[in-house]
Amino acid sequence: MHIVFSGTKWYFLTKQVFTHQDIVDILIGWYLEPDLSDSLVTQMTNALISLNEYWKVNMHWCKVLTGQFLDDADGFCSECISLPPAHPDLNTKLHKITLLVR
């Protein structure tokens, strides 16, 4: 985790290893982890916001990433609809949907 945050703060040192796209992709992927503390989510959010200048210069990549994000949400919703109400995986799927919109 420190590598990602270091990459956002001191990009000039880490750009040989990680691109801003890598860092953003990793951070967004972590949003789907169910057991993150509120402080960690806040740190991840702040890191994503700090990278906004890099998002602006690559709008095509932002559109692709947003499309993947929406596809994930659609997939989780479809899985929830297809599960019976008492299915043990239903709560996990619903929780992941809430993580997407936090």
C-alpha atoms as a PDB file:
ATOM      1  CA  MET A   1       0.000   0.000   0.000  1.00  0.00           C
ATOM      2  CA  HIS A   2       2.855   2.348   0.784  1.00  0.00           C
ATOM      3  CA  ILE A   3       4.225   1.861  -2.725  1.00  0.00           C
ATOM      4  CA  VAL A   4       0.950   3.058  -4.215  1.00  0.00           C
ATOM      5  CA  PHE A   5       0.741   6.120  -1.980  1.00  0.00           C
ATOM      6  CA  SER A   6       4.418   6.859  -2.533  1.00  0.00           C
ATOM      7  CA  GLY A   7       3.771   6.576  -6.234  1.00  0.00           C
ATOM      8  CA  THR A   8       1.073   9.215  -6.041  1.00  0.00           C
ATOM      9  CA  LYS A   9       3.137  11.556  -3.888  1.00  0.00           C
ATOM     10  CA  TRP A  10       6.583  11.054  -5.417  1.00  0.00           C
ATOM     11  CA  TYR A  11       5.751   9.995  -8.926  1.00  0.00           C
ATOM     12  CA  PHE A  12       9.046  11.252 -10.289  1.00  0.00           C
ATOM     13  CA  LEU A  13      10.751   8.472  -8.272  1.00  0.00           C
ATOM     14  CA  THR A  14       8.373   5.634  -9.076  1.00  0.00           C
ATOM     15  CA  LYS A  15       7.458   6.341 -12.705  1.00  0.00           C
ATOM     16  CA  GLN A  16       9.994   3.798 -13.937  1.00  0.00           C
ATOM     17  CA  VAL A  17       8.022   1.050 -12.139  1.00  0.00           C
ATOM     18  CA  PHE A  18       4.405   2.298 -12.035  1.00  0.00           C
ATOM     19  CA  THR A  19       2.398   4.514 -14.323  1.00  0.00           C
ATOM     20  CA  HIS A  20      -0.407   6.678 -12.982  1.00  0.00           C
ATOM     21  CA  GLN A  21      -2.758   4.293 -14.735  1.00  0.00           C
ATOM     22  CA  ASP A  22      -1.293   1.371 -12.753  1.00  0.00           C
ATOM     23  CA  ILE A  23      -1.722   3.240  -9.483  1.00  0.00           C
ATOM     24  CA  VAL A  24      -5.315   4.240 -10.239  1.00  0.00           C
ATOM     25  CA  ASP A  25      -6.177   0.713 -11.386  1.00  0.00           C
ATOM     26  CA  ILE A  26      -4.758  -0.770  -8.168  1.00  0.00           C
ATOM     27  CA  LEU A  27      -6.582   1.733  -5.971  1.00  0.00           C
ATOM     28  CA  ILE A  28      -9.923   1.194  -7.663  1.00  0.00           C
ATOM     29  CA  GLY A  29      -9.484  -2.576  -7.445  1.00  0.00           C
ATOM     30  CA  TRP A  30      -8.930  -2.286  -3.703  1.00  0.00           C
ATOM     31  CA  TYR A  31     -12.248  -0.502  -3.318  1.00  0.00           C
ATOM     32  CA  LEU A  32     -13.909  -3.885  -3.779  1.00  0.00           C
ATOM     33  CA  GLU A  33     -12.177  -5.368  -0.768  1.00  0.00           C
ATOM     34  CA  PRO A  34     -14.839  -5.743   1.922  1.00  0.00           C
ATOM     35  CA  ASP A  35     -12.700  -5.379   5.056  1.00  0.00           C
ATOM     36  CA  LEU A  36     -10.988  -2.030   4.490  1.00  0.00           C
ATOM     37  CA  SER A  37     -10.933   0.445   7.335  1.00  0.00           C
ATOM     38  CA  ASP A  38     -12.555   3.823   6.856  1.00  0.00           C
ATOM     39  CA  SER A  39      -9.174   5.518   7.204  1.00  0.00           C
ATOM     40  CA  LEU A  40      -7.681   3.367   4.444  1.00  0.00           C
ATOM     41  CA  VAL A  41     -10.622   4.146   2.151  1.00  0.00           C
ATOM     42  CA  THR A  42     -10.085   7.851   2.892  1.00  0.00           C
ATOM     43  CA  GLN A  43      -6.383   7.547   2.026  1.00  0.00           C
ATOM     44  CA  MET A  44      -7.226   5.750  -1.221  1.00  0.00           C
ATOM     45  CA  THR A  45      -9.819   8.382  -2.111  1.00  0.00           C
ATOM     46  CA  ASN A  46      -7.342  11.185  -1.450  1.00  0.00           C
ATOM     47  CA  ALA A  47      -4.719   9.430  -3.571  1.00  0.00           C
ATOM     48  CA  LEU A  48      -7.176   9.109  -6.469  1.00  0.00           C
ATOM     49  CA  ILE A  49      -8.162  12.759  -6.165  1.00  0.00           C
ATOM     50  CA  SER A  50      -4.504  13.799  -6.106  1.00  0.00           C
ATOM     51  CA  LEU A  51      -4.052  12.095  -9.477  1.00  0.00           C
ATOM     52  CA  ASN A  52      -6.825  14.125 -11.138  1.00  0.00           C
ATOM     53  CA  GLU A  53      -4.429  16.051 -13.374  1.00  0.00           C
ATOM     54  CA  TYR A  54      -3.318  12.765 -14.913  1.00  0.00           C
ATOM     55  CA  TRP A  55      -6.911  11.628 -15.421  1.00  0.00           C
ATOM     56  CA  LYS A  56      -7.645  14.833 -17.359  1.00  0.00           C
ATOM     57  CA  VAL A  57      -4.908  14.278 -19.928  1.00  0.00           C
ATOM     58  CA  ASN A  58      -6.013  10.757 -20.789  1.00  0.00           C
ATOM     59  CA  MET A  59      -9.776  10.865 -21.193  1.00  0.00           C
ATOM     60  CA  HIS A  60      -9.843   7.761 -23.401  1.00  0.00           C
ATOM     61  CA  TRP A  61      -8.323   5.707 -20.602  1.00  0.00           C
ATOM     62  CA  CYS A  62     -10.816   7.239 -18.139  1.00  0.00           C
ATOM     63  CA  LYS A  63     -13.685   6.180 -20.384  1.00  0.00           C
ATOM     64  CA  VAL A  64     -12.316   2.635 -20.606  1.00  0.00           C
ATOM     65  CA  LEU A  65     -11.822   2.452 -16.837  1.00  0.00           C
ATOM     66  CA  THR A  66     -15.307   3.821 -16.194  1.00  0.00           C
ATOM     67  CA  GLY A  67     -16.715   1.240 -18.614  1.00  0.00           C
ATOM     68  CA  GLN A  68     -14.972  -1.554 -16.725  1.00  0.00           C
ATOM     69  CA  PHE A  69     -16.285  -0.173 -13.438  1.00  0.00           C
ATOM     70  CA  LEU A  70     -19.850  -0.121 -14.791  1.00  0.00           C
ATOM     71  CA  ASP A  71     -19.436  -3.626 -16.224  1.00  0.00           C
ATOM     72  CA  ASP A  72     -18.392  -4.855 -12.782  1.00  0.00           C
ATOM     73  CA  ALA A  73     -21.428  -3.199 -11.205  1.00  0.00           C
ATOM     74  CA  ASP A  74     -23.724  -4.681 -13.847  1.00  0.00           C
ATOM     75  CA  GLY A  75     -22.205  -8.124 -13.325  1.00  0.00           C
ATOM     76  CA  PHE A  76     -22.720  -7.967  -9.568  1.00  0.00           C
ATOM     77  CA  CYS A  77     -26.325  -6.811 -10.049  1.00  0.00           C
ATOM     78  CA  SER A  78     -27.021  -9.590 -12.560  1.00  0.00           C
ATOM     79  CA  GLU A  79     -25.578 -12.175 -10.195  1.00  0.00           C
ATOM     80  CA  CYS A  80     -27.771 -10.861  -7.346  1.00  0.00           C
ATOM     81  CA  ILE A  81     -30.887 -11.050  -9.472  1.00  0.00           C
ATOM     82  CA  SER A  82     -30.163 -14.639 -10.462  1.00  0.00           C
ATOM     83  CA  LEU A  83     -29.578 -15.855  -6.895  1.00  0.00           C
ATOM     84  CA  PRO A  84     -32.454 -17.058  -4.710  1.00  0.00           C
ATOM     85  CA  PRO A  85     -33.074 -14.840  -1.637  1.00  0.00           C
ATOM     86  CA  ALA A  86     -31.614 -17.364   0.808  1.00  0.00           C
ATOM     87  CA  HIS A  87     -28.428 -18.047  -1.217  1.00  0.00           C
ATOM     88  CA  PRO A  88     -25.283 -17.695   0.939  1.00  0.00           C
ATOM     89  CA  ASP A  89     -23.456 -15.628  -1.729  1.00  0.00           C
ATOM     90  CA  LEU A  90     -26.211 -13.021  -1.998  1.00  0.00           C
ATOM     91  CA  ASN A  91     -24.968 -10.893   0.888  1.00  0.00           C
ATOM     92  CA  THR A  92     -21.423 -10.938  -0.487  1.00  0.00           C
ATOM     93  CA  LYS A  93     -22.624  -9.794  -3.916  1.00  0.00           C
ATOM     94  CA  LEU A  94     -24.809  -7.058  -2.426  1.00  0.00           C
ATOM     95  CA  HIS A  95     -21.904  -5.910  -0.278  1.00  0.00           C
ATOM     96  CA  LYS A  96     -19.673  -5.596  -3.344  1.00  0.00           C
ATOM     97  CA  ILE A  97     -22.309  -3.443  -5.028  1.00  0.00           C
ATOM     98  CA  THR A  98     -22.330  -1.116  -2.025  1.00  0.00           C
ATOM     99  CA  LEU A  99     -18.526  -0.967  -2.148  1.00  0.00           C
ATOM    100  CA  LEU A 100     -18.699   0.223  -5.750  1.00  0.00           C
ATOM    101  CA  VAL A 101     -20.795   3.228  -4.795  1.00  0.00           C
ATOM    102  CA  ARG A 102     -19.175   4.253  -1.508  1.00  0.00           C
END
